[in-house]
PDB file of N, CA and C in Angstrom:
ATOM      1  N   MET A   1     109.291  84.001 169.198  1.00  0.00           N
ATOM      2  CA  MET A   1     108.748  84.178 168.001  1.00  0.00           C
ATOM      3  C   MET A   1     107.823  83.872 167.664  1.00  0.00           C
ATOM      4  N   ARG A   2     106.937  84.062 166.877  1.00  0.00           N
ATOM      5  CA  ARG A   2     105.706  84.118 166.288  1.00  0.00           C
ATOM      6  C   ARG A   2     105.815  83.316 165.258  1.00  0.00           C
ATOM      7  N   THR A   3     104.840  82.089 165.260  1.00  0.00           N
ATOM      8  CA  THR A   3     105.242  81.199 163.560  1.00  0.00           C
ATOM      9  C   THR A   3     103.739  81.934 162.524  1.00  0.00           C
ATOM     10  N   ILE A   4     103.695  82.512 161.548  1.00  0.00           N
ATOM     11  CA  ILE A   4     102.793  83.091 161.216  1.00  0.00           C
ATOM     12  C   ILE A   4     102.084  82.107 159.922  1.00  0.00           C
ATOM     13  N   THR A   5     101.143  81.886 159.827  1.00  0.00           N
ATOM     14  CA  THR A   5     100.768  81.053 158.696  1.00  0.00           C
ATOM     15  C   THR A   5     100.209  81.840 157.843  1.00  0.00           C
ATOM     16  N   LEU A   6     101.095  81.547 156.259  1.00  0.00           N
ATOM     17  CA  LEU A   6     100.701  82.605 155.228  1.00  0.00           C
ATOM     18  C   LEU A   6      99.448  82.079 154.640  1.00  0.00           C
ATOM     19  N   ALA A   7      99.451  80.845 154.464  1.00  0.00           N
ATOM     20  CA  ALA A   7      98.217  80.208 153.507  1.00  0.00           C
ATOM     21  C   ALA A   7      97.932  79.183 153.971  1.00  0.00           C
ATOM     22  N   ALA A   8      96.825  79.110 154.189  1.00  0.00           N
ATOM     23  CA  ALA A   8      96.393  77.411 155.000  1.00  0.00           C
ATOM     24  C   ALA A   8      95.335  76.798 153.744  1.00  0.00           C
ATOM     25  N   ALA A   9      95.316  75.794 152.930  1.00  0.00           N
ATOM     26  CA  ALA A   9      94.263  75.214 151.966  1.00  0.00           C
ATOM     27  C   ALA A   9      94.255  73.177 152.227  1.00  0.00           C
ATOM     28  N   ASP A  10      93.030  73.656 152.056  1.00  0.00           N
ATOM     29  CA  ASP A  10      92.902  71.325 152.301  1.00  0.00           C
ATOM     30  C   ASP A  10      93.330  70.801 151.008  1.00  0.00           C
ATOM     31  N   GLY A  11      93.250  69.726 150.807  1.00  0.00           N
ATOM     32  CA  GLY A  11      93.980  68.851 149.948  1.00  0.00           C
ATOM     33  C   GLY A  11      92.810  69.308 148.729  1.00  0.00           C
ATOM     34  N   GLY A  12      91.493  69.331 149.131  1.00  0.00           N
ATOM     35  CA  GLY A  12      90.588  69.430 147.637  1.00  0.00           C
ATOM     36  C   GLY A  12      90.975  70.957 146.832  1.00  0.00           C
ATOM     37  N   ALA A  13      91.610  71.955 147.609  1.00  0.00           N
ATOM     38  CA  ALA A  13      91.913  72.833 146.518  1.00  0.00           C
ATOM     39  C   ALA A  13      93.120  72.668 145.308  1.00  0.00           C
ATOM     40  N   ALA A  14      94.236  72.121 146.063  1.00  0.00           N
ATOM     41  CA  ALA A  14      95.307  71.062 145.216  1.00  0.00           C
ATOM     42  C   ALA A  14      94.881  70.052 144.088  1.00  0.00           C
ATOM     43  N   LEU A  15      93.763  69.504 144.612  1.00  0.00           N
ATOM     44  CA  LEU A  15      93.431  68.481 143.387  1.00  0.00           C
ATOM     45  C   LEU A  15      92.466  69.142 142.298  1.00  0.00           C
ATOM     46  N   LEU A  16      91.626  70.197 143.003  1.00  0.00           N
ATOM     47  CA  LEU A  16      90.895  71.009 141.849  1.00  0.00           C
ATOM     48  C   LEU A  16      91.991  71.758 140.653  1.00  0.00           C
ATOM     49  N   THR A  17      92.949  72.289 141.392  1.00  0.00           N
ATOM     50  CA  THR A  17      94.329  72.866 140.604  1.00  0.00           C
ATOM     51  C   THR A  17      94.772  72.204 139.621  1.00  0.00           C
ATOM     52  N   LEU A  18      95.165  70.816 139.810  1.00  0.00           N
ATOM     53  CA  LEU A  18      95.601  70.018 139.102  1.00  0.00           C
ATOM     54  C   LEU A  18      94.447  69.640 138.101  1.00  0.00           C
ATOM     55  N   GLY A  19      93.466  69.244 138.326  1.00  0.00           N
ATOM     56  CA  GLY A  19      92.047  68.620 137.833  1.00  0.00           C
ATOM     57  C   GLY A  19      91.982  69.996 136.455  1.00  0.00           C
ATOM     58  N   ILE A  20      92.239  71.192 136.639  1.00  0.00           N
ATOM     59  CA  ILE A  20      92.155  72.401 135.724  1.00  0.00           C
ATOM     60  C   ILE A  20      93.168  72.438 134.692  1.00  0.00           C
ATOM     61  N   ALA A  21      94.527  72.096 135.132  1.00  0.00           N
ATOM     62  CA  ALA A  21      95.736  72.278 134.456  1.00  0.00           C
ATOM     63  C   ALA A  21      95.520  71.064 133.590  1.00  0.00           C
ATOM     64  N   LEU A  22      95.166  69.762 134.130  1.00  0.00           N
ATOM     65  CA  LEU A  22      95.073  68.475 133.240  1.00  0.00           C
ATOM     66  C   LEU A  22      94.083  68.979 132.546  1.00  0.00           C
ATOM     67  N   TYR A  23      93.103  69.368 132.360  1.00  0.00           N
ATOM     68  CA  TYR A  23      92.075  69.773 131.491  1.00  0.00           C
ATOM     69  C   TYR A  23      92.245  70.413 130.509  1.00  0.00           C
ATOM     70  N   ALA A  24      93.300  71.649 130.647  1.00  0.00           N
ATOM     71  CA  ALA A  24      94.024  72.309 129.299  1.00  0.00           C
ATOM     72  C   ALA A  24      94.628  72.056 128.917  1.00  0.00           C
ATOM     73  N   ALA A  25      95.647  71.050 129.921  1.00  0.00           N
ATOM     74  CA  ALA A  25      96.877  70.184 128.611  1.00  0.00           C
ATOM     75  C   ALA A  25      95.880  69.136 127.491  1.00  0.00           C
ATOM     76  N   ILE A  26      94.794  68.579 128.103  1.00  0.00           N
ATOM     77  CA  ILE A  26      94.278  67.856 127.472  1.00  0.00           C
ATOM     78  C   ILE A  26      93.393  68.279 126.533  1.00  0.00           C
ATOM     79  N   ILE A  27      92.951  69.789 126.352  1.00  0.00           N
ATOM     80  CA  ILE A  27      92.266  70.223 124.935  1.00  0.00           C
ATOM     81  C   ILE A  27      94.001  71.207 124.353  1.00  0.00           C
ATOM     82  N   LEU A  28      94.998  71.233 124.997  1.00  0.00           N
ATOM     83  CA  LEU A  28      96.088  71.913 123.983  1.00  0.00           C
ATOM     84  C   LEU A  28      96.587  71.205 123.100  1.00  0.00           C
ATOM     85  N   ILE A  29      96.574  69.597 123.834  1.00  0.00           N
ATOM     86  CA  ILE A  29      97.028  68.376 123.102  1.00  0.00           C
ATOM     87  C   ILE A  29      96.192  68.028 121.835  1.00  0.00           C
ATOM     88  N   CYS A  30      94.889  68.280 122.239  1.00  0.00           N
ATOM     89  CA  CYS A  30      94.175  67.865 120.926  1.00  0.00           C
ATOM     90  C   CYS A  30      94.498  69.172 119.897  1.00  0.00           C
ATOM     91  N   VAL A  31      94.116  69.989 120.389  1.00  0.00           N
ATOM     92  CA  VAL A  31      94.292  71.346 119.294  1.00  0.00           C
ATOM     93  C   VAL A  31      96.041  70.595 118.767  1.00  0.00           C
ATOM     94  N   GLY A  32      97.255  70.762 118.896  1.00  0.00           N
ATOM     95  CA  GLY A  32      98.136  70.192 118.514  1.00  0.00           C
ATOM     96  C   GLY A  32      97.929  69.134 117.414  1.00  0.00           C
ATOM     97  N   LEU A  33      96.836  68.176 118.256  1.00  0.00           N
ATOM     98  CA  LEU A  33      97.384  67.133 117.231  1.00  0.00           C
ATOM     99  C   LEU A  33      95.935  67.177 115.660  1.00  0.00           C
ATOM    100  N   CYS A  34      95.180  68.554 115.728  1.00  0.00           N
ATOM    101  CA  CYS A  34      94.007  68.949 115.050  1.00  0.00           C
ATOM    102  C   CYS A  34      95.530  69.618 113.959  1.00  0.00           C
ATOM    103  N   VAL A  35      96.336  70.871 114.220  1.00  0.00           N
ATOM    104  CA  VAL A  35      97.237  71.402 113.566  1.00  0.00           C
ATOM    105  C   VAL A  35      98.327  70.605 112.426  1.00  0.00           C
ATOM    106  N   HIS A  36      98.335  69.353 113.280  1.00  0.00           N
ATOM    107  CA  HIS A  36      99.298  68.239 112.784  1.00  0.00           C
ATOM    108  C   HIS A  36      98.746  67.608 111.687  1.00  0.00           C
ATOM    109  N   GLY A  37      97.086  67.418 111.544  1.00  0.00           N
ATOM    110  CA  GLY A  37      96.890  66.140 111.028  1.00  0.00           C
ATOM    111  C   GLY A  37      96.266  67.240 109.591  1.00  0.00           C
ATOM    112  N   LEU A  38      96.178  69.014 110.077  1.00  0.00           N
ATOM    113  CA  LEU A  38      95.894  69.493 109.063  1.00  0.00           C
ATOM    114  C   LEU A  38      97.163  69.652 108.078  1.00  0.00           C
ATOM    115  N   ALA A  39      98.262  69.754 109.002  1.00  0.00           N
ATOM    116  CA  ALA A  39      99.715  70.007 108.071  1.00  0.00           C
ATOM    117  C   ALA A  39      99.969  68.793 107.078  1.00  0.00           C
ATOM    118  N   HIS A  40      99.789  67.423 107.380  1.00  0.00           N
ATOM    119  CA  HIS A  40     100.003  66.271 106.882  1.00  0.00           C
ATOM    120  C   HIS A  40      98.721  65.741 106.307  1.00  0.00           C
ATOM    121  N   HIS A  41      97.617  66.370 106.346  1.00  0.00           N
ATOM    122  CA  HIS A  41      96.536  66.087 105.261  1.00  0.00           C
ATOM    123  C   HIS A  41      95.737  64.486 105.754  1.00  0.00           C
ATOM    124  N   ARG A  42      95.942  64.699 107.224  1.00  0.00           N
ATOM    125  CA  ARG A  42      95.018  63.749 107.702  1.00  0.00           C
ATOM    126  C   ARG A  42      93.298  63.724 108.189  1.00  0.00           C
ATOM    127  N   ARG A  43      92.390  64.280 106.858  1.00  0.00           N
ATOM    128  CA  ARG A  43      91.331  63.843 107.130  1.00  0.00           C
ATOM    129  C   ARG A  43      90.424  63.808 109.224  1.00  0.00           C
ATOM    130  N   GLN A  44      90.561  62.275 109.373  1.00  0.00           N
ATOM    131  CA  GLN A  44      90.057  61.530 110.097  1.00  0.00           C
ATOM    132  C   GLN A  44      90.871  62.100 111.212  1.00  0.00           C
ATOM    133  N   LEU A  45      91.809  62.343 111.207  1.00  0.00           N
ATOM    134  CA  LEU A  45      92.431  62.976 112.730  1.00  0.00           C
ATOM    135  C   LEU A  45      92.514  64.350 113.212  1.00  0.00           C
ATOM    136  N   VAL A  46      92.365  65.212 111.712  1.00  0.00           N
ATOM    137  CA  VAL A  46      91.451  66.632 112.261  1.00  0.00           C
ATOM    138  C   VAL A  46      90.480  66.350 112.564  1.00  0.00           C
ATOM    139  N   MET A  47      89.259  65.985 111.829  1.00  0.00           N
ATOM    140  CA  MET A  47      88.224  65.771 112.411  1.00  0.00           C
ATOM    141  C   MET A  47      87.795  65.221 114.123  1.00  0.00           C
ATOM    142  N   GLY A  48      88.370  64.147 114.288  1.00  0.00           N
ATOM    143  CA  GLY A  48      88.675  63.402 115.502  1.00  0.00           C
ATOM    144  C   GLY A  48      88.881  64.574 116.371  1.00  0.00           C
ATOM    145  N   SER A  49      90.113  65.245 116.419  1.00  0.00           N
ATOM    146  CA  SER A  49      90.210  65.765 117.461  1.00  0.00           C
ATOM    147  C   SER A  49      89.623  67.524 117.630  1.00  0.00           C
ATOM    148  N   ALA A  50      89.514  67.811 116.282  1.00  0.00           N
ATOM    149  CA  ALA A  50      88.406  69.273 116.338  1.00  0.00           C
ATOM    150  C   ALA A  50      87.438  68.640 117.457  1.00  0.00           C
ATOM    151  N   ALA A  51      86.412  67.793 116.810  1.00  0.00           N
ATOM    152  CA  ALA A  51      85.177  67.214 118.148  1.00  0.00           C
ATOM    153  C   ALA A  51      85.901  66.616 119.416  1.00  0.00           C
ATOM    154  N   ALA A  52      86.838  66.417 119.759  1.00  0.00           N
ATOM    155  CA  ALA A  52      87.383  66.297 120.977  1.00  0.00           C
ATOM    156  C   ALA A  52      87.539  67.719 121.653  1.00  0.00           C
ATOM    157  N   VAL A  53      88.031  68.506 121.122  1.00  0.00           N
ATOM    158  CA  VAL A  53      88.065  70.178 121.731  1.00  0.00           C
ATOM    159  C   VAL A  53      87.068  70.905 121.814  1.00  0.00           C
ATOM    160  N   VAL A  54      86.019  70.377 120.915  1.00  0.00           N
ATOM    161  CA  VAL A  54      84.426  71.002 120.836  1.00  0.00           C
ATOM    162  C   VAL A  54      84.245  70.516 122.027  1.00  0.00           C
ATOM    163  N   THR A  55      83.990  69.071 122.576  1.00  0.00           N
ATOM    164  CA  THR A  55      83.551  68.586 123.096  1.00  0.00           C
ATOM    165  C   THR A  55      83.577  68.740 124.772  1.00  0.00           C
ATOM    166  N   LEU A  56      85.000  68.974 125.176  1.00  0.00           N
ATOM    167  CA  LEU A  56      86.082  69.166 126.174  1.00  0.00           C
ATOM    168  C   LEU A  56      85.653  70.790 126.596  1.00  0.00           C
ATOM    169  N   SER A  57      85.460  71.495 125.055  1.00  0.00           N
ATOM    170  CA  SER A  57      85.217  73.024 125.664  1.00  0.00           C
ATOM    171  C   SER A  57      83.801  73.001 126.088  1.00  0.00           C
ATOM    172  N   VAL A  58      82.637  72.511 125.337  1.00  0.00           N
ATOM    173  CA  VAL A  58      81.677  72.471 125.868  1.00  0.00           C
ATOM    174  C   VAL A  58      81.192  72.182 127.476  1.00  0.00           C
ATOM    175  N   ALA A  59      81.916  70.926 127.534  1.00  0.00           N
ATOM    176  CA  ALA A  59      81.654  70.262 128.661  1.00  0.00           C
ATOM    177  C   ALA A  59      82.587  71.444 129.771  1.00  0.00           C
ATOM    178  N   GLY A  60      83.527  72.025 129.485  1.00  0.00           N
ATOM    179  CA  GLY A  60      83.951  72.930 130.551  1.00  0.00           C
ATOM    180  C   GLY A  60      83.087  74.030 131.299  1.00  0.00           C
ATOM    181  N   VAL A  61      82.034  74.699 129.641  1.00  0.00           N
ATOM    182  CA  VAL A  61      81.476  75.671 130.210  1.00  0.00           C
ATOM    183  C   VAL A  61      80.266  75.374 130.932  1.00  0.00           C
ATOM    184  N   VAL A  62      79.570  74.127 130.569  1.00  0.00           N
ATOM    185  CA  VAL A  62      78.664  73.448 131.686  1.00  0.00           C
ATOM    186  C   VAL A  62      78.937  73.315 132.699  1.00  0.00           C
ATOM    187  N   VAL A  63      80.416  72.537 133.400  1.00  0.00           N
ATOM    188  CA  VAL A  63      80.563  72.149 134.511  1.00  0.00           C
ATOM    189  C   VAL A  63      80.711  73.806 135.236  1.00  0.00           C
ATOM    190  N   ALA A  64      81.236  74.267 134.585  1.00  0.00           N
ATOM    191  CA  ALA A  64      81.330  75.786 135.330  1.00  0.00           C
ATOM    192  C   ALA A  64      80.046  76.613 135.715  1.00  0.00           C
ATOM    193  N   VAL A  65      79.208  76.945 134.997  1.00  0.00           N
ATOM    194  CA  VAL A  65      77.737  76.839 135.251  1.00  0.00           C
ATOM    195  C   VAL A  65      77.009  75.996 136.186  1.00  0.00           C
ATOM    196  N   LEU A  66      77.412  75.088 136.272  1.00  0.00           N
ATOM    197  CA  LEU A  66      76.908  74.186 136.932  1.00  0.00           C
ATOM    198  C   LEU A  66      77.164  74.494 137.929  1.00  0.00           C
ATOM    199  N   SER A  67      78.895  74.789 138.637  1.00  0.00           N
ATOM    200  CA  SER A  67      79.222  74.815 139.825  1.00  0.00           C
ATOM    201  C   SER A  67      78.812  75.861 140.572  1.00  0.00           C
ATOM    202  N   SER A  68      78.847  77.358 139.284  1.00  0.00           N
ATOM    203  CA  SER A  68      78.580  78.704 139.869  1.00  0.00           C
ATOM    204  C   SER A  68      77.099  78.825 140.251  1.00  0.00           C
ATOM    205  N   SER A  69      76.175  77.927 139.883  1.00  0.00           N
ATOM    206  CA  SER A  69      74.517  78.140 140.262  1.00  0.00           C
ATOM    207  C   SER A  69      74.474  77.254 141.341  1.00  0.00           C
ATOM    208  N   GLY A  70      75.291  76.302 141.680  1.00  0.00           N
ATOM    209  CA  GLY A  70      74.866  75.412 143.025  1.00  0.00           C
ATOM    210  C   GLY A  70      75.669  75.777 143.993  1.00  0.00           C
TER     211      GLY A  70
END
């Protein structure tokens, strides 16, 4: 009987996947806060969470471009 390895990966790939999932979760939480603030007419909460979403999105694009070029 032979042992067949279907997939082999180092810990770096798992950490990268976990990091991307956490990053997406933070963006979704900020979007949820923005929607909640809109529903309850809380302007500061809306502006703060919208700024966080924009900042995280731009940072994600910058990191993706830098990682693909290097």
